[in-house]
N, C-alpha and C. Protein backbone atom coordinates (compact mmCIF):
# COMPACT_ATOMS: atom_id res chain seq x y z
N UNK A 1 0.52 -1.25 0.12
CA UNK A 1 0.23 -0.29 -0.10
C UNK A 1 0.76 1.48 -0.26
N UNK A 2 0.85 2.16 -0.93
CA UNK A 2 1.16 3.55 -0.93
C UNK A 2 0.64 4.54 0.28
N UNK A 3 1.90 5.03 0.48
CA UNK A 3 1.48 6.31 1.35
C UNK A 3 0.86 7.07 0.86
N UNK A 4 0.47 8.46 1.56
CA UNK A 4 -0.34 9.36 1.15
C UNK A 4 0.61 10.59 0.41
N UNK A 5 1.56 10.76 0.92
CA UNK A 5 2.44 11.07 0.00
C UNK A 5 3.02 10.69 -1.73
N UNK A 6 3.14 9.33 -1.20
CA UNK A 6 3.44 8.76 -2.47
C UNK A 6 2.15 8.46 -3.69
N UNK A 7 0.72 8.85 -2.91
CA UNK A 7 -0.15 9.01 -3.81
C UNK A 7 -0.54 10.17 -4.29
N UNK A 8 0.08 11.39 -3.78
CA UNK A 8 -0.20 12.70 -4.09
C UNK A 8 1.11 13.14 -5.40
N UNK A 9 2.11 12.33 -4.95
CA UNK A 9 2.99 12.26 -6.19
C UNK A 9 2.81 11.42 -7.47
N UNK A 10 2.10 10.45 -7.36
CA UNK A 10 1.47 9.65 -8.28
C UNK A 10 0.40 10.46 -9.12
N UNK A 11 -0.44 10.72 -8.32
CA UNK A 11 -1.46 11.85 -8.86
C UNK A 11 -1.22 12.94 -9.73
N UNK A 12 -0.10 13.83 -8.92
CA UNK A 12 0.50 15.21 -9.76
C UNK A 12 1.47 14.44 -10.90
N UNK A 13 1.90 13.58 -10.89
CA UNK A 13 2.57 12.83 -12.08
C UNK A 13 1.43 12.66 -13.17
N UNK A 14 0.49 12.31 -12.99
CA UNK A 14 -0.65 11.85 -13.66
C UNK A 14 -1.54 13.02 -14.77
N UNK A 15 -1.63 13.82 -13.27
CA UNK A 15 -1.99 15.11 -13.91
C UNK A 15 -1.28 15.93 -14.89
N UNK A 16 -0.02 15.76 -14.96
CA UNK A 16 1.14 16.66 -15.56
C UNK A 16 0.98 15.85 -17.03
N UNK A 17 1.08 14.55 -16.90
CA UNK A 17 1.10 13.51 -18.42
C UNK A 17 -0.23 14.09 -18.79
N UNK A 18 -1.41 14.26 -18.17
CA UNK A 18 -2.54 14.37 -18.90
C UNK A 18 -2.86 16.08 -19.17
N UNK A 19 -1.98 16.99 -19.01
CA UNK A 19 -2.07 18.53 -19.49
C UNK A 19 -0.89 18.25 -20.40
N UNK A 20 0.24 17.63 -20.69
CA UNK A 20 1.05 17.65 -21.57
C UNK A 20 0.02 17.11 -22.89
N UNK A 21 -0.65 15.97 -22.78
CA UNK A 21 -1.34 15.54 -23.77
C UNK A 21 -2.50 16.44 -24.28
N UNK A 22 -3.09 16.93 -23.54
CA UNK A 22 -4.27 18.22 -23.46
C UNK A 22 -3.60 19.21 -24.48
N UNK A 23 -2.40 19.77 -24.24
CA UNK A 23 -1.64 21.12 -24.71
C UNK A 23 -1.29 20.75 -26.26
N UNK A 24 -0.81 19.28 -26.04
CA UNK A 24 -0.51 18.93 -27.67
C UNK A 24 -1.59 18.63 -28.42
N UNK A 25 -2.77 18.12 -27.85
CA UNK A 25 -4.13 18.00 -28.95
C UNK A 25 -4.15 19.26 -29.31
N UNK A 26 -4.29 20.47 -28.24
CA UNK A 26 -4.79 21.79 -28.83
C UNK A 26 -3.86 22.34 -29.54
N UNK A 27 -2.56 22.23 -29.83
CA UNK A 27 -2.04 22.48 -30.89
C UNK A 27 -2.10 22.10 -32.06
N UNK A 28 -2.30 20.29 -32.05
CA UNK A 28 -2.44 19.96 -33.21
C UNK A 28 -3.92 20.46 -33.74
N UNK A 29 -4.95 20.46 -33.04
CA UNK A 29 -6.17 20.81 -33.46
C UNK A 29 -6.28 22.28 -34.12
N UNK A 30 -5.50 23.13 -33.34
CA UNK A 30 -5.26 24.89 -33.88
C UNK A 30 -4.41 24.65 -35.08
N UNK A 31 -3.48 23.81 -35.09
CA UNK A 31 -2.59 23.50 -36.61
C UNK A 31 -3.40 23.18 -37.63
N UNK A 32 -4.33 22.35 -37.45
CA UNK A 32 -5.34 21.22 -38.49
C UNK A 32 -6.23 22.54 -38.66
N UNK A 33 -6.56 23.13 -37.99
CA UNK A 33 -7.83 24.10 -38.67
C UNK A 33 -7.12 25.40 -39.35
N UNK A 34 -6.09 25.82 -39.07
CA UNK A 34 -5.11 26.65 -39.60
C UNK A 34 -4.89 26.04 -41.23
N UNK A 35 -4.56 24.93 -41.21
CA UNK A 35 -4.23 24.13 -42.54
C UNK A 35 -5.36 24.47 -43.25
N UNK A 36 -6.61 23.90 -42.97
CA UNK A 36 -7.81 23.54 -43.60
C UNK A 36 -8.41 24.83 -43.86
N UNK A 37 -8.04 25.87 -43.38
CA UNK A 37 -8.47 27.44 -43.43
C UNK A 37 -8.01 27.92 -44.63
N UNK A 38 -6.12 27.55 -44.75
CA UNK A 38 -5.62 27.97 -45.51
C UNK A 38 -5.70 27.43 -47.20
N UNK A 39 -6.00 26.37 -47.12
CA UNK A 39 -6.24 25.44 -48.28
C UNK A 39 -7.75 25.52 -48.95
N UNK A 40 -8.70 26.21 -47.90
CA UNK A 40 -9.84 26.23 -48.71
C UNK A 40 -10.25 27.59 -49.80
N UNK A 41 -10.35 27.02 -50.63
CA UNK A 41 -10.60 28.39 -51.68
C UNK A 41 -11.79 29.29 -51.22
N UNK A 42 -11.47 30.17 -51.73
CA UNK A 42 -12.84 31.59 -51.90
C UNK A 42 -13.98 30.77 -52.43
N UNK A 43 -15.38 31.09 -51.66
CA UNK A 43 -16.42 30.86 -52.59
C UNK A 43 -16.75 31.16 -53.83
N UNK A 44 -17.08 30.72 -54.79
CA UNK A 44 -17.63 30.71 -55.85
C UNK A 44 -18.31 31.78 -55.90
N UNK A 45 -19.59 31.97 -54.92
CA UNK A 45 -20.50 32.75 -55.05
C UNK A 45 -20.04 34.15 -54.73
N UNK A 46 -18.85 34.48 -53.75
CA UNK A 46 -18.17 35.58 -53.73
C UNK A 46 -17.78 36.00 -55.11
N UNK A 47 -17.15 35.48 -55.39
CA UNK A 47 -16.56 35.78 -57.11
C UNK A 47 -17.62 36.08 -57.85
N UNK A 48 -18.74 35.19 -57.84
CA UNK A 48 -19.73 36.01 -58.78
C UNK A 48 -20.78 37.18 -58.54
N UNK A 49 -20.63 36.97 -57.22
CA UNK A 49 -21.51 38.47 -56.78
C UNK A 49 -20.41 40.00 -57.44
N UNK A 50 -19.02 39.52 -57.06
CA UNK A 50 -18.59 40.55 -57.27
C UNK A 50 -18.48 40.74 -58.82
N UNK A 51 -18.38 39.60 -60.04
CA UNK A 51 -18.19 39.88 -61.25
C UNK A 51 -19.55 40.48 -61.41
N UNK A 52 -20.43 40.19 -60.74
CA UNK A 52 -22.20 41.00 -61.05
C UNK A 52 -21.64 42.42 -61.19
N UNK A 53 -21.34 42.76 -59.69
CA UNK A 53 -20.58 44.25 -59.25
C UNK A 53 -20.17 44.97 -60.54
N UNK A 54 -19.23 44.16 -60.96
CA UNK A 54 -18.01 44.60 -62.04
C UNK A 54 -19.17 44.65 -63.60
N UNK A 55 -20.00 43.53 -63.73
CA UNK A 55 -20.54 43.88 -64.74
C UNK A 55 -21.63 44.95 -64.75
N UNK A 56 -22.51 45.22 -63.92
CA UNK A 56 -23.10 46.58 -63.65
C UNK A 56 -22.39 47.90 -63.85
N UNK A 57 -21.31 47.94 -63.43
CA UNK A 57 -20.68 48.86 -63.69
C UNK A 57 -20.35 49.35 -65.21
N UNK A 58 -20.11 48.37 -65.57
CA UNK A 58 -19.78 48.18 -67.29
C UNK A 58 -21.03 48.47 -67.82
N UNK A 59 -22.16 47.90 -67.47
CA UNK A 59 -23.57 48.26 -67.88
C UNK A 59 -23.91 49.67 -68.17
N UNK A 60 -23.25 50.73 -66.78
CA UNK A 60 -23.79 52.18 -67.09
C UNK A 60 -22.46 52.86 -67.51
N UNK A 61 -21.99 52.17 -68.50
CA UNK A 61 -20.86 52.96 -68.89
C UNK A 61 -19.66 53.20 -68.28
N UNK A 62 -19.24 52.67 -66.82
CA UNK A 62 -18.53 53.16 -65.78
C UNK A 62 -17.19 53.24 -66.96
N UNK A 63 -16.78 52.39 -67.69
CA UNK A 63 -15.36 52.19 -68.29
C UNK A 63 -15.00 53.91 -68.89
N UNK A 64 -16.08 54.98 -69.06
CA UNK A 64 -16.41 55.96 -70.16
C UNK A 64 -16.05 56.94 -68.84
N UNK A 65 -16.69 56.70 -68.14
CA UNK A 65 -17.12 58.05 -67.01
C UNK A 65 -16.04 57.49 -65.58
N UNK A 66 -15.74 56.39 -65.39
CA UNK A 66 -15.25 55.99 -64.12
C UNK A 66 -13.91 54.87 -64.68
N UNK A 67 -13.36 54.90 -65.64
CA UNK A 67 -12.39 54.02 -66.11
C UNK A 67 -11.17 53.61 -64.92
N UNK A 68 -10.85 54.37 -64.42
CA UNK A 68 -9.53 54.08 -63.38
C UNK A 68 -10.10 53.12 -62.34
N UNK A 69 -11.29 53.31 -62.00
CA UNK A 69 -11.94 52.68 -60.71
C UNK A 69 -12.44 50.93 -61.77
N UNK A 70 -13.11 51.38 -62.67
CA UNK A 70 -13.64 50.12 -63.00
C UNK A 70 -12.18 49.06 -63.50
N UNK A 71 -11.22 49.40 -64.22
CA UNK A 71 -10.04 48.66 -64.21
C UNK A 71 -9.45 48.28 -62.83
N UNK A 72 -9.27 49.31 -61.82
CA UNK A 72 -9.02 48.58 -60.56
C UNK A 72 -9.55 47.50 -60.00
N UNK A 73 -11.03 47.36 -60.45
CA UNK A 73 -11.80 46.44 -60.06
C UNK A 73 -11.72 45.17 -61.12
N UNK A 74 -11.52 45.29 -61.86
CA UNK A 74 -11.13 44.41 -62.53
C UNK A 74 -9.74 43.51 -62.31
N UNK A 75 -8.68 44.65 -62.33
CA UNK A 75 -7.54 43.91 -62.28
C UNK A 75 -7.31 43.27 -60.66
N UNK A 76 -8.02 43.75 -59.70
CA UNK A 76 -7.98 43.37 -58.43
C UNK A 76 -9.01 41.78 -58.43
N UNK A 77 -9.71 41.64 -59.40
CA UNK A 77 -10.83 40.62 -59.29
C UNK A 77 -9.54 39.53 -59.80
N UNK A 78 -9.09 39.93 -60.85
CA UNK A 78 -8.16 38.73 -61.53
C UNK A 78 -6.90 38.31 -60.49
N UNK A 79 -6.32 39.18 -59.68
CA UNK A 79 -5.26 38.78 -58.68
C UNK A 79 -5.96 38.37 -57.58
N UNK A 80 -7.23 38.45 -57.22
CA UNK A 80 -7.48 37.82 -56.45
C UNK A 80 -7.92 36.15 -56.85
N UNK A 81 -8.41 35.54 -58.33
CA UNK A 81 -8.28 34.56 -58.63
C UNK A 81 -6.86 34.27 -58.75
N UNK A 82 -6.09 34.54 -58.96
CA UNK A 82 -4.31 33.83 -59.16
C UNK A 82 -3.99 33.83 -57.58
N UNK A 83 -4.23 34.30 -56.63
CA UNK A 83 -3.81 34.34 -54.97
C UNK A 83 -4.74 33.21 -54.79
N UNK A 84 -5.80 32.93 -55.18
CA UNK A 84 -6.89 31.82 -54.69
C UNK A 84 -6.19 30.49 -55.10
N UNK A 85 -5.92 30.47 -56.50
CA UNK A 85 -5.34 29.11 -57.06
C UNK A 85 -3.76 29.22 -56.58
N UNK A 86 -3.27 29.87 -56.17
CA UNK A 86 -1.67 29.65 -55.20
C UNK A 86 -2.01 29.37 -54.02
N UNK A 87 -2.94 29.76 -53.43
CA UNK A 87 -3.50 29.07 -52.00
C UNK A 87 -3.13 30.10 -51.26
N UNK A 88 -3.46 31.23 -51.66
CA UNK A 88 -3.52 32.38 -50.36
C UNK A 88 -4.65 32.76 -50.21
N UNK A 89 -5.31 32.43 -49.78
CA UNK A 89 -6.83 32.75 -49.19
C UNK A 89 -7.10 33.91 -48.91
N UNK A 90 -6.16 34.05 -47.72
CA UNK A 90 -6.44 35.97 -47.24
C UNK A 90 -6.00 36.58 -48.00
N UNK A 91 -5.13 36.77 -49.08
CA UNK A 91 -4.91 37.68 -50.18
C UNK A 91 -5.89 37.76 -51.16
N UNK A 92 -6.41 36.49 -51.51
CA UNK A 92 -7.25 36.33 -52.27
C UNK A 92 -9.01 37.04 -52.01
N UNK A 93 -9.20 36.91 -50.56
CA UNK A 93 -10.01 37.39 -49.89
C UNK A 93 -10.20 39.17 -49.98
N UNK A 94 -9.19 39.49 -49.47
CA UNK A 94 -8.53 41.07 -49.58
C UNK A 94 -8.81 41.76 -50.79
N UNK A 95 -8.33 40.95 -51.75
CA UNK A 95 -8.14 41.38 -53.33
C UNK A 95 -9.81 41.31 -53.55
N UNK A 96 -10.40 40.27 -53.43
CA UNK A 96 -12.02 40.68 -53.98
C UNK A 96 -12.68 41.43 -53.42
N UNK A 97 -12.60 41.63 -51.73
CA UNK A 97 -13.46 42.94 -50.99
C UNK A 97 -12.68 44.36 -51.81
N UNK A 98 -11.43 44.13 -52.06
CA UNK A 98 -11.10 45.58 -52.97
C UNK A 98 -11.65 45.59 -54.05
N UNK A 99 -11.85 44.61 -54.96
CA UNK A 99 -12.21 44.67 -56.23
C UNK A 99 -13.86 44.94 -56.38
N UNK A 100 -14.40 44.71 -55.25
CA UNK A 100 -16.09 44.81 -55.25
C UNK A 100 -16.09 46.43 -54.58
N UNK A 101 -15.10 46.89 -53.85
CA UNK A 101 -15.01 48.17 -53.18
C UNK A 101 -14.91 48.87 -54.83
N UNK A 102 -13.98 48.45 -55.10
CA UNK A 102 -13.62 49.61 -56.44
C UNK A 102 -14.93 49.67 -57.65
N UNK A 103 -15.50 48.42 -57.98
CA UNK A 103 -16.61 48.25 -58.44
C UNK A 103 -17.90 49.30 -58.17
N UNK A 104 -18.19 48.99 -57.00
CA UNK A 104 -19.15 49.98 -56.48
C UNK A 104 -18.64 51.78 -56.37
N UNK A 105 -17.33 52.19 -56.45
CA UNK A 105 -16.95 53.38 -56.75
C UNK A 105 -17.08 53.62 -58.12
N UNK A 106 -16.65 53.34 -59.36
CA UNK A 106 -17.21 53.20 -60.16
C UNK A 106 -18.48 53.33 -61.07
N UNK A 107 -19.05 52.57 -59.97
CA UNK A 107 -20.41 52.52 -60.30
C UNK A 107 -21.10 53.79 -60.14
N UNK A 108 -21.00 53.85 -58.60
CA UNK A 108 -21.33 55.63 -57.91
C UNK A 108 -20.70 56.82 -58.79
N UNK A 109 -19.72 56.68 -59.16
CA UNK A 109 -18.66 57.69 -59.93
C UNK A 109 -19.52 58.01 -61.42
N UNK A 110 -19.70 56.61 -62.11
CA UNK A 110 -20.17 56.78 -63.25
C UNK A 110 -21.95 57.56 -63.07
N UNK A 111 -22.27 57.17 -62.10
CA UNK A 111 -23.90 57.49 -62.06
C UNK A 111 -24.09 59.06 -61.54
N UNK A 112 -22.85 59.55 -61.10
CA UNK A 112 -22.65 60.76 -60.43
C UNK A 112 -22.77 61.54 -61.39
N UNK A 113 -21.71 61.36 -62.51
CA UNK A 113 -21.26 61.60 -63.62
C UNK A 113 -22.61 62.07 -64.96
N UNK A 114 -22.99 61.05 -64.55
CA UNK A 114 -24.49 61.17 -65.44
C UNK A 114 -25.43 62.37 -64.74
N UNK A 115 -25.22 62.10 -63.39
CA UNK A 115 -26.51 62.61 -63.24
C UNK A 115 -26.06 64.65 -62.91
N UNK A 116 -24.76 64.38 -63.38
CA UNK A 116 -24.04 66.12 -63.31
C UNK A 116 -24.39 66.42 -64.46
N UNK A 117 -24.00 65.72 -65.49
CA UNK A 117 -24.25 65.88 -67.26
C UNK A 117 -25.89 66.51 -67.04
N UNK A 118 -26.70 65.46 -66.42
CA UNK A 118 -28.64 66.14 -66.49
C UNK A 118 -28.66 67.07 -65.97
N UNK A 119 -27.95 67.37 -65.22
CA UNK A 119 -28.22 68.61 -63.99
C UNK A 119 -27.72 69.91 -64.93
N UNK A 120 -26.70 69.60 -65.76
CA UNK A 120 -25.84 70.73 -66.48
C UNK A 120 -27.08 70.91 -67.50
N UNK A 121 -27.52 70.13 -68.15
CA UNK A 121 -28.64 70.58 -69.14
C UNK A 121 -29.67 71.10 -68.79
N UNK A 122 -30.19 70.72 -67.98
CA UNK A 122 -31.18 71.39 -66.86
C UNK A 122 -30.94 72.81 -66.87
N UNK A 123 -29.71 72.81 -66.13
CA UNK A 123 -29.62 74.39 -66.04
C UNK A 123 -29.36 75.36 -67.57
N UNK A 124 -29.04 74.57 -68.15
CA UNK A 124 -28.59 75.29 -69.49
C UNK A 124 -29.87 75.75 -70.46
N UNK A 125 -31.07 74.69 -69.81
CA UNK A 125 -32.12 74.85 -70.64
C UNK A 125 -32.51 75.78 -69.37
N UNK A 126 -32.99 76.02 -68.42
CA UNK A 126 -33.34 77.14 -67.36
C UNK A 126 -32.41 78.78 -67.71
N UNK A 127 -31.27 78.73 -68.22
CA UNK A 127 -30.96 79.60 -68.05
C UNK A 127 -31.13 80.41 -69.72
N UNK A 128 -31.64 79.46 -70.89
CA UNK A 128 -32.04 79.96 -71.94
C UNK A 128 -33.73 80.34 -71.71
N UNK A 129 -34.25 79.81 -71.10
CA UNK A 129 -35.63 80.57 -70.72
C UNK A 129 -35.47 81.83 -69.84
N UNK A 130 -34.82 81.85 -69.17
CA UNK A 130 -34.85 82.93 -68.13
C UNK A 130 -34.26 83.71 -69.06
N UNK A 131 -33.15 84.05 -70.02
CA UNK A 131 -32.92 85.12 -70.96
C UNK A 131 -34.39 85.29 -72.16
N UNK A 132 -34.91 84.10 -72.32
CA UNK A 132 -35.98 84.68 -72.86
C UNK A 132 -36.88 85.42 -72.40
N UNK A 133 -37.46 85.01 -71.22
CA UNK A 133 -38.13 86.06 -70.06
C UNK A 133 -37.71 87.25 -70.16
N UNK A 134 -36.51 87.51 -70.05
CA UNK A 134 -35.72 88.94 -69.98
C UNK A 134 -36.04 89.77 -70.71
N UNK A 135 -36.06 88.88 -71.92
CA UNK A 135 -36.08 90.15 -73.26
C UNK A 135 -37.73 90.41 -73.64
């Protein structure tokens, strides 16, 4: 029969072994999660939604009115595909989000430019009417 001190020492030894096993298990689990996340390609739905944004910007002639922004959106979209194929998921996601923002900006600038042109035409018409009324 073991003495009380021997029992405590044996118990402490077993606890230490269990702690080491748990620590190694946690490290392995975290490593496996990181590897799994890093190798999972970006969702095709995300690519599709960004492509729709780019296409929408093209439909309203953003290439004529906001060409730099539309070009940046297309370039970052292509770069995201390349990064994704290379296995760099974080970079692909970042570039895809940037592409989406550039497409939105191109669309907004194009709409703003069109609105400004319409407003200028209305103002010119109003000025003409005012001149006719004044004479």
